[in-house]
Amino acid sequence: MDQIEANRQNVNEINTSSVLERLLINTEHIQALHGQELQELFSSDENIRSFIAQLDEADFINLLNSINGIIRNKSKKDWIMDGENVILSMGEGLAGYTPPNAEDRPMLFYQVLKSIKDMSDKGHDLNDIAILLSSSINAIHAYGDGNGRTSRFFYLLLTQGYNKETEAKFKTALSEGDEDGRDMIDINTEKIDGYLTSVLLKKLKHTKFGGSDIEVKRQNISMNDNVTTQHAKKLLEMLSDRTHSPIALHEFLKDREDADDFLQHYPESEFLGKKWPERYNIKVEHLFENIDDEQAKEILSIYRQIKIKMVELLIDSIEHSKKEGYTDDKGVTILKKFKMKI
């Protein structure tokens, strides 16, 4: 091992150790723990379920904010949801995923809390409860940084507790850089986004979606003069989200008599050995030139609801994993597929 690599490992060891030290030192400042130690609260399945049962909404939000703030070494006054404008990039200026609006995140976390409490009361495996909580933290993405580390922390805490034997795993899970904790545990919802999208499209009764996308050259888009600058800006930002924006625009067009005017039809085809399904891509430039401000508001409202529905489907598909719609033709659940990819 050369000296540079050794130095990198030493720096990473210092950083992850200090994270653990901060967590242990600051437990007395975490309101949700009510003066109890992490080691005690999460020392057994019984204690973990008891802690979950006693959590209320305020304590749950405080717990999430506190752990994320400590992991990021922020001052206590800054232990807040600060990820208002987070966009997860997949390269080339496009986002694979844009989280729900900031104002919707507390409500979604309340749903998460209700689900993990119900699952715990019914005796669900703590591993499944940990997957629901951790994946929801990633999907809701309430923080400007550290969402992944926060999710990994809670996953380990619920499944293995915190003690001397598990300390090394926490160090790895909270690490970044060359020894990224994601190599150990990665509960990123992009692993099952395709399955959840298929379920959502069936619920919305889309008939012209398939493998559809949007067709746009952002620099060429011009808006109808009736669309306000604020709404025009938000629509352009929406286009960066290739997970939710095509669904939202198809939902807007679904029942319009002139919908076909804004769709580019591509029949089923094969190219370079890959089969492409029939699809109807949205001609965004043409659409945006022909909507007024009320319709722009409608699209943005639909887009907001689509992002909420995707998280709600994530929660429900884990809590009620065997419900109709969450299994494939071989009886394999979305949750099982998720577990295989974590």
Protein backbone atom coordinates (compact mmCIF):
# COMPACT_ATOMS: atom_id res chain seq x y z
CA MET A 1 0.00 0.00 0.00
CA ASP A 2 1.55 3.37 -0.94
CA GLN A 3 1.69 6.35 1.43
CA ILE A 4 -1.14 8.25 -0.30
CA GLU A 5 -3.53 5.32 0.10
CA ALA A 6 -2.48 4.91 3.74
CA ASN A 7 -3.15 8.60 4.39
CA ARG A 8 -6.60 8.32 2.82
CA GLN A 9 -7.49 5.41 5.06
CA ASN A 10 -6.22 7.28 8.12
CA VAL A 11 -8.30 10.35 7.29
CA ASN A 12 -11.39 8.21 6.74
CA GLU A 13 -10.82 6.41 10.07
CA ILE A 14 -10.58 9.74 11.88
CA ASN A 15 -13.72 11.09 10.19
CA THR A 16 -15.89 8.04 10.89
CA SER A 17 -14.63 7.70 14.46
CA SER A 18 -15.46 11.32 15.14
CA VAL A 19 -18.98 10.78 13.77
CA LEU A 20 -19.55 7.94 16.22
CA GLU A 21 -18.02 9.96 19.04
CA ARG A 22 -20.30 12.90 18.23
CA LEU A 23 -23.34 10.63 18.19
CA LEU A 24 -22.53 9.14 21.57
CA ILE A 25 -21.56 12.45 23.14
CA ASN A 26 -24.65 14.25 21.85
CA THR A 27 -27.33 11.72 22.80
CA GLU A 28 -28.20 13.86 25.82
CA HIS A 29 -29.09 16.68 23.41
CA ILE A 30 -31.47 14.53 21.35
CA GLN A 31 -34.89 15.33 22.76
CA ALA A 32 -36.47 12.18 21.33
CA LEU A 33 -34.23 9.93 23.46
CA HIS A 34 -35.41 11.55 26.73
CA GLY A 35 -32.03 11.16 28.39
CA GLN A 36 -31.56 7.48 27.56
CA GLU A 37 -28.50 6.01 25.83
CA LEU A 38 -28.57 4.55 22.32
CA GLN A 39 -26.90 1.39 23.59
CA GLU A 40 -29.74 0.84 26.06
CA LEU A 41 -32.65 1.79 23.83
CA PHE A 42 -31.50 -0.44 20.97
CA SER A 43 -30.03 -3.34 22.94
CA SER A 44 -32.77 -5.88 22.08
CA ASP A 45 -35.76 -6.43 19.80
CA GLU A 46 -38.05 -5.84 22.77
CA ASN A 47 -36.42 -2.50 23.62
CA ILE A 48 -36.47 -1.38 19.98
CA ARG A 49 -40.19 -2.16 19.62
CA SER A 50 -40.89 -0.39 22.92
CA PHE A 51 -39.04 2.69 21.68
CA ILE A 52 -40.98 2.69 18.40
CA ALA A 53 -44.29 2.34 20.26
CA GLN A 54 -43.55 5.41 22.38
CA LEU A 55 -42.42 7.66 19.51
CA ASP A 56 -44.77 10.51 18.64
CA GLU A 57 -44.56 12.70 15.53
CA ALA A 58 -42.60 15.50 17.18
CA ASP A 59 -40.02 13.13 18.67
CA PHE A 60 -39.69 11.24 15.38
CA ILE A 61 -38.88 14.40 13.42
CA ASN A 62 -36.53 15.51 16.19
CA LEU A 63 -34.75 12.16 16.07
CA LEU A 64 -34.27 12.29 12.30
CA ASN A 65 -33.10 15.92 12.35
CA SER A 66 -30.76 15.33 15.28
CA ILE A 67 -29.03 12.26 13.82
CA ASN A 68 -28.56 13.94 10.45
CA GLY A 69 -27.29 17.14 12.07
CA ILE A 70 -24.79 15.27 14.24
CA ILE A 71 -23.56 13.15 11.31
CA ARG A 72 -22.93 16.38 9.37
CA ASN A 73 -21.29 18.06 12.38
CA LYS A 74 -23.79 20.93 12.38
CA SER A 75 -24.66 23.18 15.29
CA LYS A 76 -27.73 22.10 17.24
CA LYS A 77 -29.70 25.13 16.00
CA ASP A 78 -29.13 23.83 12.46
CA TRP A 79 -30.51 20.33 13.07
CA ILE A 80 -33.30 20.91 10.58
CA MET A 81 -34.64 19.69 7.25
CA ASP A 82 -32.53 21.89 4.97
CA GLY A 83 -32.84 20.11 1.62
CA GLU A 84 -35.39 22.44 0.01
CA ASN A 85 -33.80 22.43 -3.44
CA VAL A 86 -32.13 19.01 -3.55
CA ILE A 87 -31.97 17.34 -6.98
CA LEU A 88 -30.25 13.99 -7.40
CA SER A 89 -28.17 14.09 -10.55
CA MET A 90 -27.63 11.21 -12.96
CA GLY A 91 -25.20 13.18 -15.11
CA GLU A 92 -25.42 15.47 -18.13
CA GLY A 93 -27.51 17.98 -16.22
CA LEU A 94 -30.43 15.59 -15.72
CA ALA A 95 -31.89 14.34 -12.48
CA GLY A 96 -32.76 10.74 -11.98
CA TYR A 97 -34.92 11.72 -9.07
CA THR A 98 -36.27 14.92 -7.52
CA PRO A 99 -37.67 14.45 -3.99
CA PRO A 100 -41.11 15.58 -2.84
CA ASN A 101 -41.61 19.29 -2.19
CA ALA A 102 -40.19 20.50 1.12
CA GLU A 103 -43.64 21.33 2.49
CA ASP A 104 -44.80 17.73 1.90
CA ARG A 105 -41.91 16.00 3.64
CA PRO A 106 -43.09 16.19 7.28
CA MET A 107 -46.47 14.71 6.29
CA LEU A 108 -44.74 11.85 4.50
CA PHE A 109 -42.53 11.19 7.53
CA TYR A 110 -45.68 11.03 9.68
CA GLN A 111 -46.93 8.30 7.33
CA VAL A 112 -43.61 6.50 7.72
CA LEU A 113 -43.94 6.66 11.50
CA LYS A 114 -47.49 5.30 11.43
CA SER A 115 -46.41 2.43 9.20
CA ILE A 116 -43.37 1.41 11.25
CA LYS A 117 -45.47 1.55 14.44
CA ASP A 118 -48.18 -0.61 12.85
CA MET A 119 -45.60 -3.05 11.51
CA SER A 120 -43.92 -3.31 14.89
CA ASP A 121 -47.25 -3.84 16.68
CA LYS A 122 -48.07 -6.67 14.27
CA GLY A 123 -44.72 -8.35 14.80
CA HIS A 124 -43.18 -7.67 11.40
CA ASP A 125 -39.50 -8.47 11.07
CA LEU A 126 -37.34 -5.55 12.28
CA ASN A 127 -35.34 -5.88 9.08
CA ASP A 128 -38.45 -4.97 7.05
CA ILE A 129 -39.19 -2.07 9.38
CA ALA A 130 -35.59 -0.89 8.97
CA ILE A 131 -35.90 -1.10 5.16
CA LEU A 132 -39.10 0.98 5.24
CA LEU A 133 -37.58 3.68 7.45
CA SER A 134 -34.21 3.81 5.71
CA SER A 135 -35.55 3.77 2.15
CA SER A 136 -38.08 6.45 3.05
CA ILE A 137 -35.31 8.69 4.39
CA ASN A 138 -33.60 8.37 1.01
CA ALA A 139 -36.81 8.83 -1.00
CA ILE A 140 -38.04 11.87 0.94
CA HIS A 141 -34.49 13.29 0.95
CA ALA A 142 -35.21 16.04 3.45
CA TYR A 143 -31.61 17.09 4.03
CA GLY A 144 -29.05 18.99 2.02
CA ASP A 145 -26.49 16.25 2.71
CA GLY A 146 -26.10 13.04 4.68
CA ASN A 147 -29.40 11.40 3.72
CA GLY A 148 -27.64 8.16 2.79
CA ARG A 149 -25.54 8.06 5.95
CA THR A 150 -28.62 8.82 8.05
CA SER A 151 -30.52 6.00 6.38
CA ARG A 152 -27.66 3.55 6.90
CA PHE A 153 -27.35 4.56 10.56
CA PHE A 154 -31.00 3.78 11.27
CA TYR A 155 -30.89 0.55 9.27
CA LEU A 156 -28.03 -0.78 11.41
CA LEU A 157 -29.53 0.59 14.62
CA LEU A 158 -32.82 -1.25 14.05
CA THR A 159 -31.33 -4.49 12.76
CA GLN A 160 -28.21 -4.88 14.90
CA GLY A 161 -28.35 -2.38 17.73
CA TYR A 162 -25.34 -0.35 18.87
CA ASN A 163 -22.64 -2.01 20.96
CA LYS A 164 -18.93 -2.82 20.86
CA GLU A 165 -19.53 -5.75 18.50
CA THR A 166 -21.39 -3.60 15.93
CA GLU A 167 -19.23 -0.48 16.24
CA ALA A 168 -17.03 -1.43 13.27
CA LYS A 169 -20.10 -1.82 11.04
CA PHE A 170 -21.29 1.66 12.01
CA LYS A 171 -17.88 3.08 11.15
CA THR A 172 -18.07 1.53 7.69
CA ALA A 173 -21.71 2.51 7.12
CA LEU A 174 -21.03 6.14 7.99
CA SER A 175 -17.91 6.42 5.87
CA GLU A 176 -17.53 8.28 2.59
CA GLY A 177 -14.90 8.46 -0.13
CA ASP A 178 -12.83 5.42 -1.00
CA GLU A 179 -14.56 3.29 1.63
CA ASP A 180 -18.04 4.56 0.94
CA GLY A 181 -20.65 3.13 3.30
CA ARG A 182 -22.89 2.44 0.31
CA ASP A 183 -20.60 -0.45 -0.57
CA MET A 184 -21.80 -2.07 2.65
CA ILE A 185 -25.48 -1.02 2.68
CA ASP A 186 -27.27 0.85 -0.08
CA ILE A 187 -30.99 1.31 0.47
CA ASN A 188 -31.48 3.61 -2.50
CA THR A 189 -35.02 3.53 -3.87
CA GLU A 190 -33.82 3.84 -7.46
CA LYS A 191 -33.35 0.06 -7.24
CA ILE A 192 -37.15 -0.38 -7.31
CA ASP A 193 -38.32 2.86 -8.97
CA GLY A 194 -39.21 0.93 -12.11
CA TYR A 195 -41.50 -1.43 -10.20
CA LEU A 196 -43.16 1.42 -8.29
CA THR A 197 -43.64 3.41 -11.50
CA SER A 198 -45.38 0.44 -13.13
CA VAL A 199 -47.75 0.15 -10.15
CA LEU A 200 -48.49 3.89 -10.26
CA LEU A 201 -49.20 3.86 -14.00
CA LYS A 202 -51.71 1.05 -13.52
CA LYS A 203 -53.41 2.98 -10.73
CA LEU A 204 -53.57 6.08 -12.94
CA LYS A 205 -54.89 3.94 -15.83
CA HIS A 206 -52.41 5.20 -18.36
CA THR A 207 -52.75 3.58 -21.76
CA LYS A 208 -50.15 5.60 -23.70
CA PHE A 209 -47.12 5.54 -21.48
CA GLY A 210 -45.14 2.32 -21.83
CA GLY A 211 -41.45 3.28 -21.97
CA SER A 212 -42.33 6.89 -22.72
CA ASP A 213 -40.20 9.89 -21.93
CA ILE A 214 -40.17 13.58 -22.74
CA GLU A 215 -38.59 15.04 -25.86
CA VAL A 216 -37.04 18.40 -25.17
CA LYS A 217 -34.12 20.66 -25.98
CA ARG A 218 -34.36 23.00 -23.03
CA GLN A 219 -32.62 25.90 -24.72
CA ASN A 220 -35.31 25.99 -27.41
CA ILE A 221 -38.37 26.06 -25.15
CA SER A 222 -40.56 29.11 -25.29
CA MET A 223 -43.59 29.51 -23.04
CA ASN A 224 -46.96 30.93 -23.83
CA ASP A 225 -46.93 34.63 -22.85
CA ASN A 226 -49.76 33.97 -20.38
CA VAL A 227 -47.54 31.76 -18.21
CA THR A 228 -45.95 33.69 -15.33
CA THR A 229 -42.19 33.78 -14.94
CA GLN A 230 -42.44 31.88 -11.66
CA HIS A 231 -44.46 29.03 -13.16
CA ALA A 232 -42.31 28.94 -16.29
CA LYS A 233 -39.18 28.54 -14.14
CA LYS A 234 -40.75 25.71 -12.14
CA LEU A 235 -41.85 23.91 -15.30
CA LEU A 236 -38.32 24.03 -16.70
CA GLU A 237 -36.93 22.74 -13.39
CA MET A 238 -39.50 19.95 -13.48
CA LEU A 239 -38.16 18.75 -16.84
CA SER A 240 -34.86 17.84 -15.16
CA ASP A 241 -36.71 15.14 -13.23
CA ARG A 242 -36.87 12.20 -15.61
CA THR A 243 -38.48 9.97 -12.99
CA HIS A 244 -41.64 11.98 -12.31
CA SER A 245 -42.09 14.62 -15.03
CA PRO A 246 -43.07 12.24 -17.88
CA ILE A 247 -45.77 10.70 -15.65
CA ALA A 248 -47.06 14.12 -14.62
CA LEU A 249 -47.25 15.39 -18.21
CA HIS A 250 -48.97 12.23 -19.42
CA GLU A 251 -51.44 12.57 -16.56
CA PHE A 252 -52.16 16.16 -17.61
CA LEU A 253 -52.76 15.10 -21.22
CA LYS A 254 -54.56 11.83 -20.51
CA ASP A 255 -58.17 13.03 -20.87
CA ARG A 256 -57.61 15.90 -23.29
CA GLU A 257 -59.19 15.55 -26.71
CA ASP A 258 -56.12 17.15 -28.32
CA ALA A 259 -53.62 14.93 -26.44
CA ASP A 260 -52.31 13.29 -29.62
CA ASP A 261 -51.20 16.70 -30.91
CA PHE A 262 -48.53 16.73 -28.21
CA LEU A 263 -47.39 13.12 -28.44
CA GLN A 264 -44.76 11.59 -30.70
CA HIS A 265 -45.65 7.95 -31.37
CA TYR A 266 -42.91 5.34 -31.69
CA PRO A 267 -43.95 1.78 -32.56
CA GLU A 268 -42.28 -1.22 -30.98
CA SER A 269 -38.81 -1.60 -32.47
CA GLU A 270 -35.39 -3.14 -32.12
CA PHE A 271 -32.11 -1.22 -32.27
CA LEU A 272 -28.59 -2.57 -31.71
CA GLY A 273 -30.00 -5.77 -30.31
CA LYS A 274 -32.25 -4.00 -27.79
CA LYS A 275 -36.03 -4.14 -27.98
CA TRP A 276 -37.90 -0.89 -27.45
CA PRO A 277 -41.60 -0.97 -26.44
CA GLU A 278 -44.23 1.13 -28.12
CA ARG A 279 -44.13 4.57 -26.58
CA TYR A 280 -45.61 8.02 -26.82
CA ASN A 281 -43.06 10.70 -26.01
CA ILE A 282 -44.25 14.16 -25.10
CA LYS A 283 -43.33 17.05 -27.41
CA VAL A 284 -42.65 19.47 -24.60
CA GLU A 285 -41.85 22.55 -26.67
CA HIS A 286 -45.15 22.29 -28.51
CA LEU A 287 -47.08 21.65 -25.30
CA PHE A 288 -45.57 24.56 -23.37
CA GLU A 289 -46.28 26.94 -26.24
CA ASN A 290 -49.98 26.06 -26.00
CA ILE A 291 -50.79 26.17 -22.27
CA ASP A 292 -51.94 29.15 -20.23
CA ASP A 293 -51.00 29.98 -16.65
CA GLU A 294 -53.85 27.98 -15.09
CA GLN A 295 -52.78 24.91 -17.03
CA ALA A 296 -49.17 25.48 -15.97
CA LYS A 297 -50.37 25.51 -12.34
CA GLU A 298 -52.32 22.32 -12.99
CA ILE A 299 -49.24 20.55 -14.36
CA LEU A 300 -47.16 21.63 -11.37
CA SER A 301 -49.89 20.47 -8.99
CA ILE A 302 -50.03 17.06 -10.71
CA TYR A 303 -46.24 16.83 -10.58
CA ARG A 304 -46.26 17.55 -6.84
CA GLN A 305 -48.86 14.84 -6.25
CA ILE A 306 -46.98 12.30 -8.38
CA LYS A 307 -43.90 12.73 -6.18
CA ILE A 308 -46.03 12.21 -3.07
CA LYS A 309 -47.73 9.13 -4.54
CA MET A 310 -44.39 7.50 -5.37
CA VAL A 311 -43.25 7.74 -1.75
CA GLU A 312 -46.62 6.53 -0.49
CA LEU A 313 -46.36 3.53 -2.81
CA LEU A 314 -42.88 2.81 -1.47
CA ILE A 315 -44.21 2.83 2.10
CA ASP A 316 -47.26 0.73 1.28
CA SER A 317 -45.35 -1.81 -0.82
CA ILE A 318 -43.12 -2.57 2.17
CA GLU A 319 -45.76 -2.47 4.90
CA HIS A 320 -48.27 -4.50 2.87
CA SER A 321 -45.82 -6.34 0.67
CA LYS A 322 -48.20 -9.12 -0.37
CA LYS A 323 -51.04 -6.84 -1.39
CA GLU A 324 -52.35 -7.25 -4.94
CA GLY A 325 -50.27 -5.22 -7.34
CA TYR A 326 -47.03 -5.60 -5.40
CA THR A 327 -46.21 -9.09 -6.68
CA ASP A 328 -45.19 -10.23 -10.13
CA ASP A 329 -46.66 -13.19 -12.04
CA LYS A 330 -44.32 -15.51 -10.14
CA GLY A 331 -45.48 -14.21 -6.76
CA VAL A 332 -42.26 -12.30 -6.03
CA THR A 333 -42.93 -9.11 -4.07
CA ILE A 334 -41.37 -5.70 -4.66
CA LEU A 335 -40.00 -5.92 -1.12
CA LYS A 336 -38.23 -9.21 -1.87
CA LYS A 337 -36.72 -7.73 -5.03
CA PHE A 338 -35.56 -4.74 -2.98
CA LYS A 339 -33.92 -6.98 -0.38
CA MET A 340 -32.02 -8.80 -3.11
CA LYS A 341 -30.51 -5.49 -4.29
CA ILE A 342 -29.63 -3.88 -0.96
